[in-house]
Amino acid sequence: MIIKKAELETVCGITSKLPANTRPEFAFAGKSNVGKSSLINAMMNRKSLARTSSQPGKTQTINFYNINDAVYFVDLPGYGYAKVSLEAKAKWGKMIENYLKKSQVLKAVFLLVDIRHDPTENDKMMYDWVIHNGYRPVVIATKLDKLKRSQIAAHVKAVRTGLGMEKEDVLIPFSAETKQGREEIWALIEGMCSEETSE
């Protein structure tokens, strides 16, 4: 995918109405500081369109990025950040659930987990929740560059087992630093878009 245009088009807060987009949407979920903004920037070949922050819990809105007037990347609020009040967490949860249920054009949910660690309780919860809402999450195991090559297979297995993934479920190891995994993610997205046009 050659990126000719990438811009933040819509920002939805807790009370905002979701945009009635007609082009395919791909949502990105993951706990705070898992590297969601870095992944989105790497996918769009932009340095800082999605704002990265060392302060977890920064994304408190649903952000819609228009790419080439062809697809939308939807950045969902990070979950599982301890310093956020329970009330705020419940509101974000509602917001994400509302989006998953209401979007007419959501094609896939990418769930980001840190490849270096076993999935957390929150990761498992989010994984099950996405399935409960009718989607099979595509798991992206981030921070791949932090592992030695010899460690990768064991960590991928630990993530798959920890989340309870099925054999056919997709997991893509990814590094925002080296861009490894970027092409596979784009291939998956383009495949899903072309399935739609051939239906």
N, C-alpha and C. Protein backbone atom coordinates (compact mmCIF):
# COMPACT_ATOMS: atom_id res chain seq x y z
N MET A 1 0.87 -1.20 0.00
CA MET A 1 0.00 0.00 0.00
C MET A 1 0.90 1.24 0.00
N ILE A 2 0.75 2.05 -1.03
CA ILE A 2 1.50 3.32 -1.07
C ILE A 2 0.61 4.38 -0.41
N ILE A 3 1.11 4.99 0.63
CA ILE A 3 0.30 5.94 1.40
C ILE A 3 0.41 7.32 0.77
N LYS A 4 -0.66 7.75 0.13
CA LYS A 4 -0.66 9.09 -0.46
C LYS A 4 -1.27 10.11 0.51
N LYS A 5 -2.19 9.60 1.32
CA LYS A 5 -2.88 10.51 2.23
C LYS A 5 -3.15 9.76 3.54
N ALA A 6 -2.86 10.41 4.64
CA ALA A 6 -3.19 9.84 5.95
C ALA A 6 -3.48 11.01 6.87
N GLU A 7 -4.70 11.07 7.36
CA GLU A 7 -5.02 12.19 8.25
C GLU A 7 -6.01 11.77 9.32
N LEU A 8 -5.89 12.43 10.45
CA LEU A 8 -6.85 12.21 11.53
C LEU A 8 -8.12 12.95 11.13
N GLU A 9 -9.19 12.20 10.90
CA GLU A 9 -10.40 12.81 10.35
C GLU A 9 -11.46 13.08 11.42
N THR A 10 -11.66 12.12 12.33
CA THR A 10 -12.71 12.28 13.33
C THR A 10 -12.19 11.83 14.69
N VAL A 11 -12.53 12.60 15.71
CA VAL A 11 -12.20 12.23 17.08
C VAL A 11 -13.51 12.13 17.86
N CYS A 12 -13.79 10.98 18.44
CA CYS A 12 -15.04 10.79 19.17
C CYS A 12 -14.79 10.64 20.65
N GLY A 13 -15.40 11.51 21.42
CA GLY A 13 -15.33 11.38 22.88
C GLY A 13 -16.50 10.54 23.36
N ILE A 14 -16.69 10.51 24.67
CA ILE A 14 -17.70 9.64 25.25
C ILE A 14 -19.11 9.98 24.77
N THR A 15 -19.37 11.26 24.56
CA THR A 15 -20.74 11.64 24.17
C THR A 15 -20.89 11.86 22.67
N SER A 16 -19.78 11.73 21.92
CA SER A 16 -19.87 12.02 20.48
C SER A 16 -20.64 10.94 19.74
N LYS A 17 -21.22 11.37 18.63
CA LYS A 17 -21.89 10.41 17.74
C LYS A 17 -20.81 9.82 16.84
N LEU A 18 -20.88 8.52 16.60
CA LEU A 18 -19.88 7.89 15.73
C LEU A 18 -20.09 8.33 14.29
N PRO A 19 -19.01 8.48 13.52
CA PRO A 19 -19.18 8.89 12.12
C PRO A 19 -19.81 7.77 11.29
N ALA A 20 -20.60 8.16 10.29
CA ALA A 20 -21.23 7.15 9.43
C ALA A 20 -20.32 6.88 8.24
N ASN A 21 -19.17 6.28 8.50
CA ASN A 21 -18.22 6.02 7.42
C ASN A 21 -18.74 4.91 6.51
N THR A 22 -18.37 5.00 5.24
CA THR A 22 -18.81 3.97 4.30
C THR A 22 -17.64 3.10 3.85
N ARG A 23 -16.41 3.55 4.13
CA ARG A 23 -15.24 2.75 3.73
C ARG A 23 -14.85 1.81 4.86
N PRO A 24 -14.16 0.71 4.54
CA PRO A 24 -13.83 -0.29 5.57
C PRO A 24 -13.03 0.31 6.72
N GLU A 25 -13.38 -0.14 7.92
CA GLU A 25 -12.66 0.30 9.12
C GLU A 25 -11.90 -0.88 9.73
N PHE A 26 -10.71 -0.57 10.24
CA PHE A 26 -9.90 -1.56 10.94
C PHE A 26 -9.54 -0.96 12.29
N ALA A 27 -9.99 -1.63 13.36
CA ALA A 27 -9.80 -1.06 14.69
C ALA A 27 -8.57 -1.65 15.37
N PHE A 28 -7.90 -0.81 16.16
CA PHE A 28 -6.70 -1.23 16.89
C PHE A 28 -6.96 -1.05 18.38
N ALA A 29 -6.86 -2.17 19.10
CA ALA A 29 -7.09 -2.14 20.54
C ALA A 29 -5.84 -2.67 21.23
N GLY A 30 -5.66 -2.27 22.47
CA GLY A 30 -4.50 -2.78 23.21
C GLY A 30 -4.37 -2.01 24.49
N LYS A 31 -3.64 -2.60 25.43
CA LYS A 31 -3.53 -1.88 26.70
C LYS A 31 -2.61 -0.68 26.54
N SER A 32 -2.71 0.23 27.48
CA SER A 32 -1.91 1.45 27.44
C SER A 32 -0.43 1.10 27.30
N ASN A 33 0.25 1.87 26.46
CA ASN A 33 1.70 1.73 26.28
C ASN A 33 2.17 0.45 25.60
N VAL A 34 1.26 -0.22 24.87
CA VAL A 34 1.66 -1.45 24.17
C VAL A 34 2.27 -1.11 22.80
N GLY A 35 2.13 0.17 22.41
CA GLY A 35 2.73 0.59 21.15
C GLY A 35 1.72 0.78 20.02
N LYS A 36 0.48 1.12 20.41
CA LYS A 36 -0.59 1.28 19.42
C LYS A 36 -0.33 2.46 18.48
N SER A 37 0.01 3.60 19.06
CA SER A 37 0.26 4.79 18.22
C SER A 37 1.47 4.56 17.33
N SER A 38 2.51 3.91 17.89
CA SER A 38 3.72 3.63 17.10
C SER A 38 3.39 2.72 15.92
N LEU A 39 2.54 1.73 16.17
CA LEU A 39 2.13 0.81 15.09
C LEU A 39 1.37 1.57 14.01
N ILE A 40 0.41 2.39 14.43
CA ILE A 40 -0.41 3.12 13.45
C ILE A 40 0.49 4.05 12.63
N ASN A 41 1.42 4.74 13.30
CA ASN A 41 2.35 5.61 12.56
C ASN A 41 3.19 4.80 11.57
N ALA A 42 3.68 3.65 12.01
CA ALA A 42 4.51 2.81 11.13
C ALA A 42 3.69 2.33 9.92
N MET A 43 2.44 1.98 10.17
CA MET A 43 1.58 1.51 9.07
C MET A 43 1.33 2.61 8.05
N MET A 44 1.25 3.85 8.55
CA MET A 44 0.93 4.98 7.67
C MET A 44 2.18 5.68 7.14
N ASN A 45 3.36 5.14 7.52
CA ASN A 45 4.62 5.80 7.15
C ASN A 45 4.68 7.25 7.61
N ARG A 46 4.13 7.53 8.77
CA ARG A 46 4.19 8.88 9.33
C ARG A 46 4.92 8.81 10.66
N LYS A 47 5.61 9.89 10.97
CA LYS A 47 6.36 9.89 12.22
C LYS A 47 5.45 10.08 13.43
N SER A 48 4.55 11.03 13.34
CA SER A 48 3.82 11.37 14.57
C SER A 48 2.38 11.79 14.32
N LEU A 49 1.72 11.12 13.37
CA LEU A 49 0.31 11.46 13.15
C LEU A 49 -0.52 10.97 14.34
N ALA A 50 -0.30 9.71 14.72
CA ALA A 50 -0.91 9.23 15.96
C ALA A 50 0.05 9.61 17.06
N ARG A 51 -0.44 10.37 18.04
CA ARG A 51 0.47 10.89 19.05
C ARG A 51 0.89 9.78 20.01
N THR A 52 2.19 9.55 20.09
CA THR A 52 2.69 8.56 21.04
C THR A 52 2.98 9.29 22.35
N SER A 53 2.88 8.56 23.42
CA SER A 53 3.11 9.20 24.71
C SER A 53 3.73 8.20 25.66
N SER A 54 4.66 8.68 26.49
CA SER A 54 5.24 7.77 27.48
C SER A 54 4.29 7.68 28.67
N GLN A 55 3.27 8.54 28.64
CA GLN A 55 2.31 8.51 29.74
C GLN A 55 1.13 7.63 29.33
N PRO A 56 0.96 6.47 29.97
CA PRO A 56 -0.11 5.57 29.58
C PRO A 56 -1.49 6.20 29.77
N GLY A 57 -2.46 5.67 29.06
CA GLY A 57 -3.84 6.13 29.23
C GLY A 57 -4.10 7.44 28.53
N LYS A 58 -3.26 7.78 27.55
CA LYS A 58 -3.37 9.08 26.89
C LYS A 58 -4.54 9.13 25.90
N THR A 59 -4.73 8.04 25.15
CA THR A 59 -5.83 8.04 24.18
C THR A 59 -7.13 7.80 24.92
N GLN A 60 -7.93 8.86 25.02
CA GLN A 60 -9.20 8.71 25.73
C GLN A 60 -10.37 8.93 24.78
N THR A 61 -10.05 8.91 23.51
CA THR A 61 -11.09 9.10 22.50
C THR A 61 -10.92 8.00 21.46
N ILE A 62 -11.92 7.85 20.60
CA ILE A 62 -11.77 6.94 19.46
C ILE A 62 -11.36 7.82 18.28
N ASN A 63 -10.20 7.54 17.72
CA ASN A 63 -9.66 8.38 16.64
C ASN A 63 -9.74 7.65 15.31
N PHE A 64 -10.32 8.32 14.32
CA PHE A 64 -10.49 7.73 12.99
C PHE A 64 -9.49 8.36 12.02
N TYR A 65 -8.59 7.53 11.48
CA TYR A 65 -7.60 8.01 10.51
C TYR A 65 -8.01 7.59 9.11
N ASN A 66 -8.14 8.58 8.24
CA ASN A 66 -8.50 8.30 6.85
C ASN A 66 -7.21 8.04 6.07
N ILE A 67 -7.13 6.88 5.44
CA ILE A 67 -5.93 6.53 4.67
C ILE A 67 -6.29 6.38 3.20
N ASN A 68 -5.72 7.25 2.39
CA ASN A 68 -5.91 7.20 0.93
C ASN A 68 -7.38 7.27 0.50
N ASP A 69 -8.25 7.79 1.37
CA ASP A 69 -9.69 7.77 1.07
C ASP A 69 -10.15 6.36 0.74
N ALA A 70 -9.47 5.35 1.30
CA ALA A 70 -9.80 3.96 0.97
C ALA A 70 -10.20 3.17 2.21
N VAL A 71 -9.47 3.38 3.31
CA VAL A 71 -9.78 2.66 4.55
C VAL A 71 -9.62 3.62 5.74
N TYR A 72 -10.20 3.21 6.85
CA TYR A 72 -10.01 3.94 8.11
C TYR A 72 -9.29 3.05 9.11
N PHE A 73 -8.31 3.63 9.80
CA PHE A 73 -7.74 3.00 10.98
C PHE A 73 -8.44 3.64 12.17
N VAL A 74 -8.92 2.82 13.08
CA VAL A 74 -9.66 3.33 14.22
C VAL A 74 -8.86 2.99 15.48
N ASP A 75 -8.37 4.02 16.13
CA ASP A 75 -7.54 3.87 17.33
C ASP A 75 -8.45 3.92 18.55
N LEU A 76 -8.58 2.79 19.24
CA LEU A 76 -9.46 2.71 20.41
C LEU A 76 -8.68 3.07 21.67
N PRO A 77 -9.36 3.59 22.70
CA PRO A 77 -8.64 3.97 23.93
C PRO A 77 -7.91 2.77 24.53
N GLY A 78 -6.71 3.00 25.05
CA GLY A 78 -5.95 1.93 25.72
C GLY A 78 -6.67 1.50 26.98
N TYR A 79 -6.57 0.21 27.30
CA TYR A 79 -7.27 -0.27 28.49
C TYR A 79 -6.26 -0.73 29.54
N GLY A 80 -6.78 -0.96 30.75
CA GLY A 80 -5.96 -1.58 31.78
C GLY A 80 -4.95 -0.67 32.44
N TYR A 81 -5.17 0.64 32.36
CA TYR A 81 -4.21 1.53 33.00
C TYR A 81 -4.68 1.86 34.42
N ALA A 82 -3.86 1.54 35.39
CA ALA A 82 -4.29 1.57 36.80
C ALA A 82 -4.73 2.95 37.29
N LYS A 83 -4.09 4.01 36.79
CA LYS A 83 -4.36 5.34 37.37
C LYS A 83 -5.68 5.94 36.91
N VAL A 84 -6.34 5.27 35.98
CA VAL A 84 -7.61 5.82 35.50
C VAL A 84 -8.72 5.36 36.44
N SER A 85 -9.64 6.26 36.78
CA SER A 85 -10.70 5.89 37.71
C SER A 85 -11.59 4.80 37.11
N LEU A 86 -12.23 4.05 37.99
CA LEU A 86 -13.13 2.98 37.53
C LEU A 86 -14.26 3.55 36.68
N GLU A 87 -14.71 4.73 37.07
CA GLU A 87 -15.80 5.37 36.33
C GLU A 87 -15.36 5.66 34.89
N ALA A 88 -14.13 6.19 34.74
CA ALA A 88 -13.60 6.47 33.41
C ALA A 88 -13.44 5.18 32.62
N LYS A 89 -12.93 4.13 33.29
CA LYS A 89 -12.76 2.83 32.62
C LYS A 89 -14.10 2.32 32.11
N ALA A 90 -15.12 2.44 32.95
CA ALA A 90 -16.45 1.94 32.56
C ALA A 90 -16.95 2.72 31.34
N LYS A 91 -16.69 4.04 31.33
CA LYS A 91 -17.14 4.86 30.20
C LYS A 91 -16.40 4.47 28.92
N TRP A 92 -15.07 4.25 29.04
CA TRP A 92 -14.32 3.84 27.85
C TRP A 92 -14.82 2.50 27.34
N GLY A 93 -15.09 1.60 28.30
CA GLY A 93 -15.60 0.27 27.94
C GLY A 93 -16.88 0.40 27.15
N LYS A 94 -17.78 1.21 27.65
CA LYS A 94 -19.06 1.46 26.97
C LYS A 94 -18.82 2.01 25.57
N MET A 95 -17.88 2.96 25.51
CA MET A 95 -17.58 3.63 24.25
C MET A 95 -17.08 2.63 23.20
N ILE A 96 -16.15 1.76 23.64
CA ILE A 96 -15.59 0.77 22.71
C ILE A 96 -16.68 -0.23 22.30
N GLU A 97 -17.46 -0.66 23.29
CA GLU A 97 -18.52 -1.65 22.99
C GLU A 97 -19.53 -1.06 22.02
N ASN A 98 -19.88 0.18 22.26
CA ASN A 98 -20.82 0.89 21.40
C ASN A 98 -20.29 0.91 19.96
N TYR A 99 -18.99 1.20 19.84
CA TYR A 99 -18.37 1.24 18.51
C TYR A 99 -18.40 -0.14 17.85
N LEU A 100 -17.99 -1.18 18.60
CA LEU A 100 -17.94 -2.54 18.03
C LEU A 100 -19.32 -3.00 17.56
N LYS A 101 -20.35 -2.60 18.32
CA LYS A 101 -21.71 -3.02 17.97
C LYS A 101 -22.29 -2.21 16.83
N LYS A 102 -21.93 -0.91 16.77
CA LYS A 102 -22.64 -0.02 15.84
C LYS A 102 -21.98 0.17 14.49
N SER A 103 -20.66 -0.02 14.42
CA SER A 103 -20.00 0.24 13.14
C SER A 103 -20.51 -0.75 12.10
N GLN A 104 -20.94 -0.21 10.97
CA GLN A 104 -21.46 -1.05 9.88
C GLN A 104 -20.32 -1.55 8.99
N VAL A 105 -19.15 -0.92 9.11
CA VAL A 105 -18.08 -1.19 8.14
C VAL A 105 -16.79 -1.71 8.80
N LEU A 106 -16.89 -2.08 10.07
CA LEU A 106 -15.70 -2.60 10.76
C LEU A 106 -15.37 -3.99 10.22
N LYS A 107 -14.18 -4.13 9.69
CA LYS A 107 -13.78 -5.39 9.06
C LYS A 107 -13.01 -6.30 10.01
N ALA A 108 -12.19 -5.69 10.87
CA ALA A 108 -11.37 -6.52 11.76
C ALA A 108 -10.93 -5.69 12.95
N VAL A 109 -10.68 -6.40 14.04
CA VAL A 109 -10.12 -5.77 15.24
C VAL A 109 -8.72 -6.36 15.44
N PHE A 110 -7.72 -5.48 15.45
CA PHE A 110 -6.35 -5.88 15.74
C PHE A 110 -6.11 -5.66 17.22
N LEU A 111 -5.73 -6.72 17.91
CA LEU A 111 -5.46 -6.61 19.35
C LEU A 111 -3.96 -6.67 19.56
N LEU A 112 -3.41 -5.61 20.15
CA LEU A 112 -1.96 -5.54 20.35
C LEU A 112 -1.60 -6.05 21.73
N VAL A 113 -0.61 -6.95 21.78
CA VAL A 113 -0.07 -7.39 23.07
C VAL A 113 1.45 -7.32 22.98
N ASP A 114 2.08 -7.16 24.12
CA ASP A 114 3.54 -7.06 24.17
C ASP A 114 4.13 -8.47 24.10
N ILE A 115 4.90 -8.74 23.06
CA ILE A 115 5.43 -10.10 22.83
C ILE A 115 6.37 -10.55 23.94
N ARG A 116 6.92 -9.60 24.70
CA ARG A 116 7.92 -9.97 25.71
C ARG A 116 7.30 -10.63 26.95
N HIS A 117 6.00 -10.39 27.14
CA HIS A 117 5.36 -10.88 28.37
C HIS A 117 4.17 -11.77 28.06
N ASP A 118 3.85 -12.64 29.01
CA ASP A 118 2.61 -13.41 28.87
C ASP A 118 1.43 -12.43 28.89
N PRO A 119 0.36 -12.74 28.16
CA PRO A 119 -0.80 -11.84 28.16
C PRO A 119 -1.32 -11.61 29.58
N THR A 120 -1.73 -10.39 29.84
CA THR A 120 -2.26 -10.04 31.17
C THR A 120 -3.73 -10.43 31.23
N GLU A 121 -4.28 -10.33 32.43
CA GLU A 121 -5.71 -10.56 32.63
C GLU A 121 -6.51 -9.65 31.70
N ASN A 122 -6.06 -8.38 31.63
CA ASN A 122 -6.75 -7.40 30.77
C ASN A 122 -6.70 -7.80 29.30
N ASP A 123 -5.54 -8.31 28.86
CA ASP A 123 -5.42 -8.75 27.47
C ASP A 123 -6.42 -9.86 27.18
N LYS A 124 -6.49 -10.83 28.10
CA LYS A 124 -7.40 -11.96 27.91
C LYS A 124 -8.84 -11.48 27.87
N MET A 125 -9.13 -10.56 28.78
CA MET A 125 -10.50 -10.04 28.86
C MET A 125 -10.89 -9.35 27.56
N MET A 126 -9.95 -8.54 27.05
CA MET A 126 -10.22 -7.81 25.80
C MET A 126 -10.38 -8.79 24.64
N TYR A 127 -9.53 -9.80 24.62
CA TYR A 127 -9.59 -10.81 23.55
C TYR A 127 -10.96 -11.49 23.55
N ASP A 128 -11.39 -11.93 24.74
CA ASP A 128 -12.69 -12.62 24.86
C ASP A 128 -13.84 -11.67 24.54
N TRP A 129 -13.67 -10.42 24.92
CA TRP A 129 -14.72 -9.42 24.73
C TRP A 129 -14.92 -9.12 23.25
N VAL A 130 -13.80 -9.04 22.52
CA VAL A 130 -13.89 -8.79 21.07
C VAL A 130 -14.61 -9.97 20.40
N ILE A 131 -14.27 -11.19 20.83
CA ILE A 131 -14.96 -12.39 20.29
C ILE A 131 -16.44 -12.33 20.63
N HIS A 132 -16.73 -11.95 21.86
CA HIS A 132 -18.12 -11.85 22.33
C HIS A 132 -18.90 -10.85 21.46
N ASN A 133 -18.20 -9.84 20.95
CA ASN A 133 -18.85 -8.84 20.10
C ASN A 133 -18.86 -9.24 18.61
N GLY A 134 -18.46 -10.48 18.34
CA GLY A 134 -18.64 -11.00 16.99
C GLY A 134 -17.44 -10.92 16.06
N TYR A 135 -16.25 -10.62 16.60
CA TYR A 135 -15.05 -10.53 15.75
C TYR A 135 -13.99 -11.50 16.24
N ARG A 136 -13.21 -12.07 15.32
CA ARG A 136 -12.04 -12.86 15.72
C ARG A 136 -10.87 -11.90 15.69
N PRO A 137 -10.30 -11.53 16.83
CA PRO A 137 -9.23 -10.53 16.79
C PRO A 137 -7.99 -11.06 16.07
N VAL A 138 -7.35 -10.18 15.32
CA VAL A 138 -6.03 -10.48 14.77
C VAL A 138 -5.04 -9.98 15.82
N VAL A 139 -4.20 -10.85 16.33
CA VAL A 139 -3.29 -10.44 17.41
C VAL A 139 -1.98 -9.95 16.82
N ILE A 140 -1.58 -8.75 17.23
CA ILE A 140 -0.28 -8.22 16.82
C ILE A 140 0.61 -8.18 18.06
N ALA A 141 1.69 -8.95 18.00
CA ALA A 141 2.62 -9.03 19.14
C ALA A 141 3.72 -7.99 18.93
N THR A 142 3.62 -6.89 19.67
CA THR A 142 4.50 -5.73 19.44
C THR A 142 5.84 -5.87 20.16
N LYS A 143 6.72 -4.92 19.86
CA LYS A 143 8.06 -4.81 20.49
C LYS A 143 8.94 -6.02 20.16
N LEU A 144 8.78 -6.52 18.96
CA LEU A 144 9.53 -7.69 18.50
C LEU A 144 11.04 -7.46 18.52
N ASP A 145 11.44 -6.21 18.27
CA ASP A 145 12.89 -5.91 18.21
C ASP A 145 13.57 -6.07 19.58
N LYS A 146 12.76 -6.15 20.64
CA LYS A 146 13.33 -6.28 21.99
C LYS A 146 13.71 -7.74 22.31
N LEU A 147 13.35 -8.67 21.42
CA LEU A 147 13.68 -10.08 21.67
C LEU A 147 14.83 -10.52 20.77
N LYS A 148 15.57 -11.53 21.24
CA LYS A 148 16.55 -12.17 20.36
C LYS A 148 15.78 -13.09 19.41
N ARG A 149 16.31 -13.27 18.22
CA ARG A 149 15.63 -14.11 17.23
C ARG A 149 15.32 -15.50 17.79
N SER A 150 16.24 -16.03 18.59
CA SER A 150 16.05 -17.39 19.13
C SER A 150 14.90 -17.47 20.13
N GLN A 151 14.46 -16.30 20.65
CA GLN A 151 13.39 -16.31 21.67
C GLN A 151 12.00 -16.20 21.06
N ILE A 152 11.94 -15.80 19.80
CA ILE A 152 10.64 -15.41 19.22
C ILE A 152 9.60 -16.53 19.25
N ALA A 153 9.98 -17.73 18.78
CA ALA A 153 9.00 -18.82 18.68
C ALA A 153 8.36 -19.13 20.04
N ALA A 154 9.18 -19.18 21.09
CA ALA A 154 8.65 -19.49 22.43
C ALA A 154 7.70 -18.41 22.91
N HIS A 155 8.02 -17.14 22.62
CA HIS A 155 7.16 -16.04 23.06
C HIS A 155 5.85 -16.00 22.28
N VAL A 156 5.93 -16.29 20.99
CA VAL A 156 4.70 -16.35 20.16
C VAL A 156 3.79 -17.43 20.72
N LYS A 157 4.38 -18.57 21.05
CA LYS A 157 3.60 -19.69 21.60
C LYS A 157 2.95 -19.28 22.93
N ALA A 158 3.72 -18.57 23.77
CA ALA A 158 3.20 -18.15 25.09
C ALA A 158 2.01 -17.20 24.92
N VAL A 159 2.10 -16.30 23.93
CA VAL A 159 1.00 -15.35 23.69
C VAL A 159 -0.23 -16.12 23.21
N ARG A 160 -0.03 -17.02 22.25
CA ARG A 160 -1.16 -17.79 21.71
C ARG A 160 -1.84 -18.60 22.81
N THR A 161 -1.02 -19.25 23.63
CA THR A 161 -1.57 -20.08 24.71
C THR A 161 -2.26 -19.21 25.74
N GLY A 162 -1.60 -18.11 26.12
CA GLY A 162 -2.14 -17.22 27.15
C GLY A 162 -3.49 -16.63 26.79
N LEU A 163 -3.68 -16.34 25.51
CA LEU A 163 -4.95 -15.76 25.08
C LEU A 163 -5.99 -16.83 24.76
N GLY A 164 -5.53 -18.08 24.65
CA GLY A 164 -6.45 -19.16 24.27
C GLY A 164 -6.84 -19.06 22.80
N MET A 165 -5.86 -18.72 21.95
CA MET A 165 -6.15 -18.57 20.52
C MET A 165 -6.38 -19.92 19.86
N GLU A 166 -7.25 -19.92 18.87
CA GLU A 166 -7.48 -21.14 18.06
C GLU A 166 -6.33 -21.27 17.06
N LYS A 167 -6.18 -22.48 16.53
CA LYS A 167 -5.11 -22.75 15.55
C LYS A 167 -5.15 -21.79 14.38
N GLU A 168 -6.38 -21.53 13.88
CA GLU A 168 -6.49 -20.72 12.65
C GLU A 168 -6.43 -19.21 12.91
N ASP A 169 -6.42 -18.82 14.18
CA ASP A 169 -6.36 -17.39 14.49
C ASP A 169 -4.98 -16.83 14.11
N VAL A 170 -5.00 -15.59 13.65
CA VAL A 170 -3.77 -14.98 13.12
C VAL A 170 -3.03 -14.22 14.21
N LEU A 171 -1.72 -14.45 14.30
CA LEU A 171 -0.85 -13.65 15.17
C LEU A 171 0.32 -13.16 14.32
N ILE A 172 0.56 -11.85 14.36
CA ILE A 172 1.65 -11.27 13.58
C ILE A 172 2.65 -10.60 14.53
N PRO A 173 3.88 -11.11 14.61
CA PRO A 173 4.90 -10.40 15.40
C PRO A 173 5.27 -9.10 14.68
N PHE A 174 5.44 -8.02 15.45
CA PHE A 174 5.62 -6.70 14.83
C PHE A 174 6.62 -5.85 15.60
N SER A 175 7.40 -5.07 14.85
CA SER A 175 8.28 -4.08 15.47
C SER A 175 8.10 -2.73 14.79
N ALA A 176 7.78 -1.72 15.58
CA ALA A 176 7.65 -0.36 15.03
C ALA A 176 9.02 0.18 14.64
N GLU A 177 10.07 -0.34 15.30
CA GLU A 177 11.44 0.11 15.02
C GLU A 177 11.91 -0.37 13.64
N THR A 178 11.78 -1.68 13.42
CA THR A 178 12.32 -2.27 12.18
C THR A 178 11.26 -2.39 11.09
N LYS A 179 10.01 -2.15 11.45
CA LYS A 179 8.84 -2.29 10.54
C LYS A 179 8.57 -3.76 10.17
N GLN A 180 9.21 -4.68 10.87
CA GLN A 180 8.91 -6.09 10.60
C GLN A 180 7.47 -6.38 10.96
N GLY A 181 6.75 -7.04 10.06
CA GLY A 181 5.33 -7.35 10.29
C GLY A 181 4.41 -6.38 9.57
N ARG A 182 4.95 -5.23 9.17
CA ARG A 182 4.10 -4.21 8.53
C ARG A 182 3.46 -4.72 7.24
N GLU A 183 4.29 -5.38 6.41
CA GLU A 183 3.76 -5.87 5.13
C GLU A 183 2.68 -6.92 5.33
N GLU A 184 2.87 -7.80 6.33
CA GLU A 184 1.84 -8.83 6.57
C GLU A 184 0.51 -8.19 6.99
N ILE A 185 0.61 -7.16 7.82
CA ILE A 185 -0.62 -6.51 8.29
C ILE A 185 -1.33 -5.85 7.10
N TRP A 186 -0.55 -5.15 6.27
CA TRP A 186 -1.16 -4.51 5.09
C TRP A 186 -1.77 -5.56 4.15
N ALA A 187 -1.08 -6.69 3.97
CA ALA A 187 -1.58 -7.75 3.08
C ALA A 187 -2.92 -8.26 3.59
N LEU A 188 -3.02 -8.41 4.90
CA LEU A 188 -4.26 -8.87 5.52
C LEU A 188 -5.39 -7.87 5.28
N ILE A 189 -5.08 -6.58 5.51
CA ILE A 189 -6.07 -5.52 5.32
C ILE A 189 -6.53 -5.47 3.87
N GLU A 190 -5.57 -5.50 2.96
CA GLU A 190 -5.93 -5.42 1.54
C GLU A 190 -6.74 -6.64 1.12
N GLY A 191 -6.38 -7.80 1.68
CA GLY A 191 -7.13 -9.03 1.39
C GLY A 191 -8.59 -8.89 1.83
N MET A 192 -8.79 -8.34 3.02
CA MET A 192 -10.16 -8.19 3.53
C MET A 192 -10.96 -7.18 2.71
N CYS A 193 -10.26 -6.13 2.24
CA CYS A 193 -10.94 -5.11 1.42
C CYS A 193 -11.33 -5.71 0.07
N SER A 194 -10.46 -6.54 -0.52
CA SER A 194 -10.78 -7.07 -1.84
C SER A 194 -11.84 -8.16 -1.76
N GLU A 195 -11.91 -8.86 -0.60
CA GLU A 195 -12.99 -9.83 -0.39
C GLU A 195 -14.32 -9.12 -0.48
N GLU A 196 -14.34 -7.92 0.11
CA GLU A 196 -15.59 -7.17 0.17
C GLU A 196 -16.04 -6.78 -1.23
N THR A 197 -15.09 -6.33 -2.06
CA THR A 197 -15.46 -5.87 -3.40
C THR A 197 -15.86 -7.05 -4.30
N SER A 198 -15.35 -8.24 -3.98
CA SER A 198 -15.70 -9.37 -4.84
C SER A 198 -17.02 -10.04 -4.43
N GLU A 199 -17.56 -9.62 -3.27
CA GLU A 199 -18.82 -10.23 -2.83
C GLU A 199 -19.98 -9.77 -3.70
